[in-house]
Amino acid sequence: MDAVRVALLREVLAGTEWPRAARAFGGTLRTAVQRGPGPLLLVGTDAYEPWHLAAHLDDEAAWSGVPELSPTLLRFRVPPGAPPHLAVGLRRLAAAGRGETVLLVAPDRPGAGILERVHDARRSGATVLALSASAESQSFDGVAHDVLSLPSPDAPALSLDVLQHLVSSAAGEATAPRRPPFRDPLSRLADHLSTPPPRW
């Protein structure tokens, strides 16, 4: 999704908490990945791999000049012959520690197994953030340092997919070089059209 469509989404959601909340969460994500030398570890649930967010964060890393936003996707099941960047399993989560950031994306309440692994990463010093479509945000109490959670009755057009667009865009925008306000969306659109497809 390009900058123009993200701007339209923000207009549709104007008057709700979501544009501000996504910008705040994106800023937290940006600060976390820039603070430490470790990578951004992106993990989903047993039934959901956040491919879409991985691709958008990879784009934002390139457009904003902040390579730390490019995530390592952690997978529950790695198929034989997967390319190296898609062959990182959950063992990597067990090795997460200080200076690394873990972003958990859950379309529903995550299972106890993944929460335990993520909590272990936090105890080892990793910064843990969570995006969730579950109303039960208390599932992340003591696990995540910051949680952005759905649903909300005042934003019926909002879904986890839309929220991921808003967050990834906010993380990149907050780090983009300052330019005149009308040039930024157009230059990002031009970059998008001239950039090779993401590796995802």
C-alpha atoms as a PDB file:
ATOM      1  CA  MET A   1       0.000   0.000   0.000  1.00  0.00           C
ATOM      2  CA  ASP A   2       1.509   3.333  -1.041  1.00  0.00           C
ATOM      3  CA  ALA A   3       1.670   6.595   0.886  1.00  0.00           C
ATOM      4  CA  VAL A   4      -1.365   8.037  -0.919  1.00  0.00           C
ATOM      5  CA  ARG A   5      -3.594   5.131   0.156  1.00  0.00           C
ATOM      6  CA  VAL A   6      -2.289   5.331   3.715  1.00  0.00           C
ATOM      7  CA  ALA A   7      -3.178   9.037   3.727  1.00  0.00           C
ATOM      8  CA  LEU A   8      -6.697   8.139   2.546  1.00  0.00           C
ATOM      9  CA  LEU A   9      -6.989   5.545   5.313  1.00  0.00           C
ATOM     10  CA  ARG A  10      -6.037   8.182   7.853  1.00  0.00           C
ATOM     11  CA  GLU A  11      -8.735  10.477   6.466  1.00  0.00           C
ATOM     12  CA  VAL A  12     -11.348   7.719   6.735  1.00  0.00           C
ATOM     13  CA  LEU A  13     -10.267   7.078  10.331  1.00  0.00           C
ATOM     14  CA  ALA A  14     -10.047  10.762  11.276  1.00  0.00           C
ATOM     15  CA  GLY A  15     -11.964  11.413  14.464  1.00  0.00           C
ATOM     16  CA  THR A  16     -11.033   8.003  15.899  1.00  0.00           C
ATOM     17  CA  GLU A  17      -8.072   7.130  18.088  1.00  0.00           C
ATOM     18  CA  TRP A  18      -6.380   4.971  15.439  1.00  0.00           C
ATOM     19  CA  PRO A  19      -4.206   7.370  13.412  1.00  0.00           C
ATOM     20  CA  ARG A  20      -2.688   8.729  16.629  1.00  0.00           C
ATOM     21  CA  ALA A  21      -2.368   5.285  18.210  1.00  0.00           C
ATOM     22  CA  ALA A  22      -0.692   3.838  15.103  1.00  0.00           C
ATOM     23  CA  ARG A  23       1.748   6.767  14.940  1.00  0.00           C
ATOM     24  CA  ALA A  24       2.619   6.332  18.607  1.00  0.00           C
ATOM     25  CA  PHE A  25       3.124   2.583  18.220  1.00  0.00           C
ATOM     26  CA  GLY A  26       5.137   3.084  15.012  1.00  0.00           C
ATOM     27  CA  GLY A  27       7.318   5.582  16.865  1.00  0.00           C
ATOM     28  CA  THR A  28       7.864   3.087  19.684  1.00  0.00           C
ATOM     29  CA  LEU A  29       8.829   0.429  17.138  1.00  0.00           C
ATOM     30  CA  ARG A  30      11.243   2.788  15.392  1.00  0.00           C
ATOM     31  CA  THR A  31      12.869   3.835  18.671  1.00  0.00           C
ATOM     32  CA  ALA A  32      13.232   0.223  19.810  1.00  0.00           C
ATOM     33  CA  VAL A  33      14.944  -1.006  16.640  1.00  0.00           C
ATOM     34  CA  GLN A  34      17.284   1.985  16.493  1.00  0.00           C
ATOM     35  CA  ARG A  35      18.252   1.761  20.151  1.00  0.00           C
ATOM     36  CA  GLY A  36      19.880  -1.658  20.018  1.00  0.00           C
ATOM     37  CA  PRO A  37      22.261  -3.404  17.679  1.00  0.00           C
ATOM     38  CA  GLY A  38      20.016  -6.427  17.324  1.00  0.00           C
ATOM     39  CA  PRO A  39      17.510  -7.126  14.544  1.00  0.00           C
ATOM     40  CA  LEU A  40      13.750  -6.772  14.497  1.00  0.00           C
ATOM     41  CA  LEU A  41      12.282 -10.253  14.989  1.00  0.00           C
ATOM     42  CA  LEU A  42       8.755 -10.540  13.576  1.00  0.00           C
ATOM     43  CA  VAL A  43       6.647 -13.482  14.731  1.00  0.00           C
ATOM     44  CA  GLY A  44       3.029 -14.513  14.313  1.00  0.00           C
ATOM     45  CA  THR A  45       1.061 -17.408  15.735  1.00  0.00           C
ATOM     46  CA  ASP A  46       0.814 -21.083  14.891  1.00  0.00           C
ATOM     47  CA  ALA A  47      -1.978 -20.285  12.399  1.00  0.00           C
ATOM     48  CA  TYR A  48      -0.830 -16.868  11.152  1.00  0.00           C
ATOM     49  CA  GLU A  49       2.437 -15.686   9.606  1.00  0.00           C
ATOM     50  CA  PRO A  50       2.661 -11.891   9.210  1.00  0.00           C
ATOM     51  CA  TRP A  51       3.991 -11.917   5.626  1.00  0.00           C
ATOM     52  CA  HIS A  52       2.181  -8.735   4.744  1.00  0.00           C
ATOM     53  CA  LEU A  53       3.719  -6.732   7.574  1.00  0.00           C
ATOM     54  CA  ALA A  54       7.156  -8.202   6.832  1.00  0.00           C
ATOM     55  CA  ALA A  55       6.965  -6.933   3.248  1.00  0.00           C
ATOM     56  CA  HIS A  56       5.775  -3.473   4.295  1.00  0.00           C
ATOM     57  CA  LEU A  57       8.437  -3.081   6.968  1.00  0.00           C
ATOM     58  CA  ASP A  58      11.053  -4.164   4.430  1.00  0.00           C
ATOM     59  CA  ASP A  59       9.780  -1.426   2.082  1.00  0.00           C
ATOM     60  CA  GLU A  60       9.758   1.173   4.854  1.00  0.00           C
ATOM     61  CA  ALA A  61      13.324   0.234   5.822  1.00  0.00           C
ATOM     62  CA  ALA A  62      14.476   0.982   2.283  1.00  0.00           C
ATOM     63  CA  TRP A  63      12.402   4.150   1.775  1.00  0.00           C
ATOM     64  CA  SER A  64      13.206   5.719   5.136  1.00  0.00           C
ATOM     65  CA  GLY A  65      16.895   4.825   5.169  1.00  0.00           C
ATOM     66  CA  VAL A  66      16.468   2.907   8.434  1.00  0.00           C
ATOM     67  CA  PRO A  67      17.665  -0.645   7.722  1.00  0.00           C
ATOM     68  CA  GLU A  68      16.823  -1.718  11.287  1.00  0.00           C
ATOM     69  CA  LEU A  69      13.128  -1.737  10.320  1.00  0.00           C
ATOM     70  CA  SER A  70      13.709  -4.654   7.947  1.00  0.00           C
ATOM     71  CA  PRO A  71      12.481  -7.671   9.913  1.00  0.00           C
ATOM     72  CA  THR A  72      13.601 -11.252  10.307  1.00  0.00           C
ATOM     73  CA  LEU A  73      10.433 -13.339   9.935  1.00  0.00           C
ATOM     74  CA  LEU A  74      10.338 -16.183  12.463  1.00  0.00           C
ATOM     75  CA  ARG A  75       8.342 -19.185  11.298  1.00  0.00           C
ATOM     76  CA  PHE A  76       6.669 -21.990  13.207  1.00  0.00           C
ATOM     77  CA  ARG A  77       7.304 -24.410  10.339  1.00  0.00           C
ATOM     78  CA  VAL A  78      10.130 -23.938   7.852  1.00  0.00           C
ATOM     79  CA  PRO A  79       9.549 -25.978   4.673  1.00  0.00           C
ATOM     80  CA  PRO A  80      12.498 -27.871   3.189  1.00  0.00           C
ATOM     81  CA  GLY A  81      14.396 -25.818   0.647  1.00  0.00           C
ATOM     82  CA  ALA A  82      13.124 -22.440   1.897  1.00  0.00           C
ATOM     83  CA  PRO A  83      15.450 -19.539   0.964  1.00  0.00           C
ATOM     84  CA  PRO A  84      17.686 -18.360   3.830  1.00  0.00           C
ATOM     85  CA  HIS A  85      15.624 -15.249   4.678  1.00  0.00           C
ATOM     86  CA  LEU A  86      12.498 -17.451   4.979  1.00  0.00           C
ATOM     87  CA  ALA A  87      14.172 -20.291   6.838  1.00  0.00           C
ATOM     88  CA  VAL A  88      14.432 -18.814  10.329  1.00  0.00           C
ATOM     89  CA  GLY A  89      12.528 -20.844  12.892  1.00  0.00           C
ATOM     90  CA  LEU A  90      11.387 -20.185  16.445  1.00  0.00           C
ATOM     91  CA  ARG A  91      14.765 -21.264  17.845  1.00  0.00           C
ATOM     92  CA  ARG A  92      15.924 -17.769  16.956  1.00  0.00           C
ATOM     93  CA  LEU A  93      13.345 -16.398  19.401  1.00  0.00           C
ATOM     94  CA  ALA A  94      14.968 -18.399  22.191  1.00  0.00           C
ATOM     95  CA  ALA A  95      18.244 -16.618  21.433  1.00  0.00           C
ATOM     96  CA  ALA A  96      16.720 -13.118  21.537  1.00  0.00           C
ATOM     97  CA  GLY A  97      18.180 -10.809  24.135  1.00  0.00           C
ATOM     98  CA  ARG A  98      19.242  -7.293  25.030  1.00  0.00           C
ATOM     99  CA  GLY A  99      19.231  -4.843  22.151  1.00  0.00           C
ATOM    100  CA  GLU A 100      16.801  -6.887  20.066  1.00  0.00           C
ATOM    101  CA  THR A 101      13.138  -6.161  19.348  1.00  0.00           C
ATOM    102  CA  VAL A 102      10.397  -8.776  19.053  1.00  0.00           C
ATOM    103  CA  LEU A 103       7.143  -7.797  17.325  1.00  0.00           C
ATOM    104  CA  LEU A 104       4.339 -10.318  17.866  1.00  0.00           C
ATOM    105  CA  VAL A 105       1.340 -10.113  15.494  1.00  0.00           C
ATOM    106  CA  ALA A 106      -1.746 -12.068  16.535  1.00  0.00           C
ATOM    107  CA  PRO A 107      -5.125 -12.024  14.746  1.00  0.00           C
ATOM    108  CA  ASP A 108      -6.663 -13.687  17.791  1.00  0.00           C
ATOM    109  CA  ARG A 109      -5.607 -14.668  21.276  1.00  0.00           C
ATOM    110  CA  PRO A 110      -2.136 -16.240  20.949  1.00  0.00           C
ATOM    111  CA  GLY A 111      -1.485 -19.660  22.434  1.00  0.00           C
ATOM    112  CA  ALA A 112       0.363 -20.099  25.694  1.00  0.00           C
ATOM    113  CA  GLY A 113       3.366 -21.612  23.896  1.00  0.00           C
ATOM    114  CA  ILE A 114       4.212 -18.532  21.832  1.00  0.00           C
ATOM    115  CA  LEU A 115       3.481 -16.209  24.748  1.00  0.00           C
ATOM    116  CA  GLU A 116       5.940 -18.169  26.904  1.00  0.00           C
ATOM    117  CA  ARG A 117       8.654 -17.946  24.238  1.00  0.00           C
ATOM    118  CA  VAL A 118       8.098 -14.218  23.768  1.00  0.00           C
ATOM    119  CA  HIS A 119       8.064 -13.690  27.537  1.00  0.00           C
ATOM    120  CA  ASP A 120      11.394 -15.547  27.778  1.00  0.00           C
ATOM    121  CA  ALA A 121      12.808 -13.135  25.177  1.00  0.00           C
ATOM    122  CA  ARG A 122      11.628 -10.211  27.305  1.00  0.00           C
ATOM    123  CA  ARG A 123      13.253 -11.687  30.408  1.00  0.00           C
ATOM    124  CA  SER A 124      16.477 -11.981  28.411  1.00  0.00           C
ATOM    125  CA  GLY A 125      16.356  -8.246  27.717  1.00  0.00           C
ATOM    126  CA  ALA A 126      14.539  -7.971  24.367  1.00  0.00           C
ATOM    127  CA  THR A 127      11.975  -5.227  23.809  1.00  0.00           C
ATOM    128  CA  VAL A 128       8.609  -6.867  23.069  1.00  0.00           C
ATOM    129  CA  LEU A 129       5.791  -5.174  21.157  1.00  0.00           C
ATOM    130  CA  ALA A 130       2.474  -6.708  20.099  1.00  0.00           C
ATOM    131  CA  LEU A 131      -0.191  -6.021  17.479  1.00  0.00           C
ATOM    132  CA  SER A 132      -3.400  -7.874  18.177  1.00  0.00           C
ATOM    133  CA  ALA A 133      -6.913  -8.187  16.795  1.00  0.00           C
ATOM    134  CA  SER A 134      -8.083  -9.681  20.075  1.00  0.00           C
ATOM    135  CA  ALA A 135     -10.082  -7.637  22.567  1.00  0.00           C
ATOM    136  CA  GLU A 136      -8.281  -9.568  25.299  1.00  0.00           C
ATOM    137  CA  SER A 137      -5.245  -7.282  25.472  1.00  0.00           C
ATOM    138  CA  GLN A 138      -4.657  -8.532  29.018  1.00  0.00           C
ATOM    139  CA  SER A 139      -3.257 -11.675  27.356  1.00  0.00           C
ATOM    140  CA  PHE A 140      -0.096  -9.625  26.816  1.00  0.00           C
ATOM    141  CA  ASP A 141       0.192  -8.308  30.388  1.00  0.00           C
ATOM    142  CA  GLY A 142       3.749  -8.844  31.564  1.00  0.00           C
ATOM    143  CA  VAL A 143       4.731 -10.119  28.108  1.00  0.00           C
ATOM    144  CA  ALA A 144       4.775  -7.004  25.896  1.00  0.00           C
ATOM    145  CA  HIS A 145       6.153  -3.579  26.704  1.00  0.00           C
ATOM    146  CA  ASP A 146       3.550  -2.015  24.396  1.00  0.00           C
ATOM    147  CA  VAL A 147       0.376  -3.422  22.793  1.00  0.00           C
ATOM    148  CA  LEU A 148      -1.861  -2.025  20.068  1.00  0.00           C
ATOM    149  CA  SER A 149      -5.064  -4.016  20.077  1.00  0.00           C
ATOM    150  CA  LEU A 150      -8.381  -4.207  18.207  1.00  0.00           C
ATOM    151  CA  PRO A 151     -11.367  -4.272  17.917  1.00  0.00           C
ATOM    152  CA  SER A 152     -12.989  -0.900  18.465  1.00  0.00           C
ATOM    153  CA  PRO A 153     -16.651  -0.034  17.919  1.00  0.00           C
ATOM    154  CA  ASP A 154     -15.754   3.506  16.813  1.00  0.00           C
ATOM    155  CA  ALA A 155     -13.647   2.271  13.862  1.00  0.00           C
ATOM    156  CA  PRO A 156     -15.667  -0.373  12.004  1.00  0.00           C
ATOM    157  CA  ALA A 157     -13.442  -0.056   8.890  1.00  0.00           C
ATOM    158  CA  LEU A 158     -10.359  -1.033  10.848  1.00  0.00           C
ATOM    159  CA  SER A 159      -8.917  -4.520  10.642  1.00  0.00           C
ATOM    160  CA  LEU A 160      -5.571  -6.007  11.649  1.00  0.00           C
ATOM    161  CA  ASP A 161      -4.457  -5.705   8.030  1.00  0.00           C
ATOM    162  CA  VAL A 162      -5.276  -1.973   7.935  1.00  0.00           C
ATOM    163  CA  LEU A 163      -3.634  -1.467  11.314  1.00  0.00           C
ATOM    164  CA  GLN A 164      -0.440  -3.098  10.042  1.00  0.00           C
ATOM    165  CA  HIS A 165      -0.381  -0.638   7.118  1.00  0.00           C
ATOM    166  CA  LEU A 166      -0.784   2.317   9.462  1.00  0.00           C
ATOM    167  CA  VAL A 167       1.902   1.097  11.861  1.00  0.00           C
ATOM    168  CA  SER A 168       4.501   0.219   9.213  1.00  0.00           C
ATOM    169  CA  SER A 169       3.942   3.549   7.465  1.00  0.00           C
ATOM    170  CA  ALA A 170       4.221   5.447  10.750  1.00  0.00           C
ATOM    171  CA  ALA A 171       7.458   3.668  11.633  1.00  0.00           C
ATOM    172  CA  GLY A 172       8.981   4.692   8.300  1.00  0.00           C
ATOM    173  CA  GLU A 173       7.610   8.229   8.222  1.00  0.00           C
ATOM    174  CA  ALA A 174       8.920   9.073  11.625  1.00  0.00           C
ATOM    175  CA  THR A 175      12.423   8.434  10.371  1.00  0.00           C
ATOM    176  CA  ALA A 176      12.186   9.812   6.853  1.00  0.00           C
ATOM    177  CA  PRO A 177      14.293  12.870   6.011  1.00  0.00           C
ATOM    178  CA  ARG A 178      12.335  16.079   6.448  1.00  0.00           C
ATOM    179  CA  ARG A 179      10.934  17.321   3.162  1.00  0.00           C
ATOM    180  CA  PRO A 180       8.177  19.708   2.127  1.00  0.00           C
ATOM    181  CA  PRO A 181       4.859  18.059   3.080  1.00  0.00           C
ATOM    182  CA  PHE A 182       3.538  17.623  -0.474  1.00  0.00           C
ATOM    183  CA  ARG A 183       6.807  16.255  -1.835  1.00  0.00           C
ATOM    184  CA  ASP A 184       7.080  13.397   0.667  1.00  0.00           C
ATOM    185  CA  PRO A 185       4.080  11.274  -0.460  1.00  0.00           C
ATOM    186  CA  LEU A 186       4.896  11.865  -4.122  1.00  0.00           C
ATOM    187  CA  SER A 187       8.564  11.000  -3.754  1.00  0.00           C
ATOM    188  CA  ARG A 188       7.691   7.857  -1.791  1.00  0.00           C
ATOM    189  CA  LEU A 189       5.214   6.857  -4.497  1.00  0.00           C
ATOM    190  CA  ALA A 190       7.907   7.382  -7.151  1.00  0.00           C
ATOM    191  CA  ASP A 191      10.324   5.294  -5.095  1.00  0.00           C
ATOM    192  CA  HIS A 192       7.669   2.597  -4.752  1.00  0.00           C
ATOM    193  CA  LEU A 193       7.074   2.444  -8.496  1.00  0.00           C
ATOM    194  CA  SER A 194      10.785   2.263  -9.295  1.00  0.00           C
ATOM    195  CA  THR A 195      11.804  -0.202  -6.562  1.00  0.00           C
ATOM    196  CA  PRO A 196      12.103  -3.933  -7.341  1.00  0.00           C
ATOM    197  CA  PRO A 197       9.490  -6.179  -5.664  1.00  0.00           C
ATOM    198  CA  PRO A 198      10.255  -7.065  -2.034  1.00  0.00           C
ATOM    199  CA  ARG A 199      12.001 -10.346  -1.311  1.00  0.00           C
ATOM    200  CA  TRP A 200       8.922 -11.738   0.499  1.00  0.00           C
END
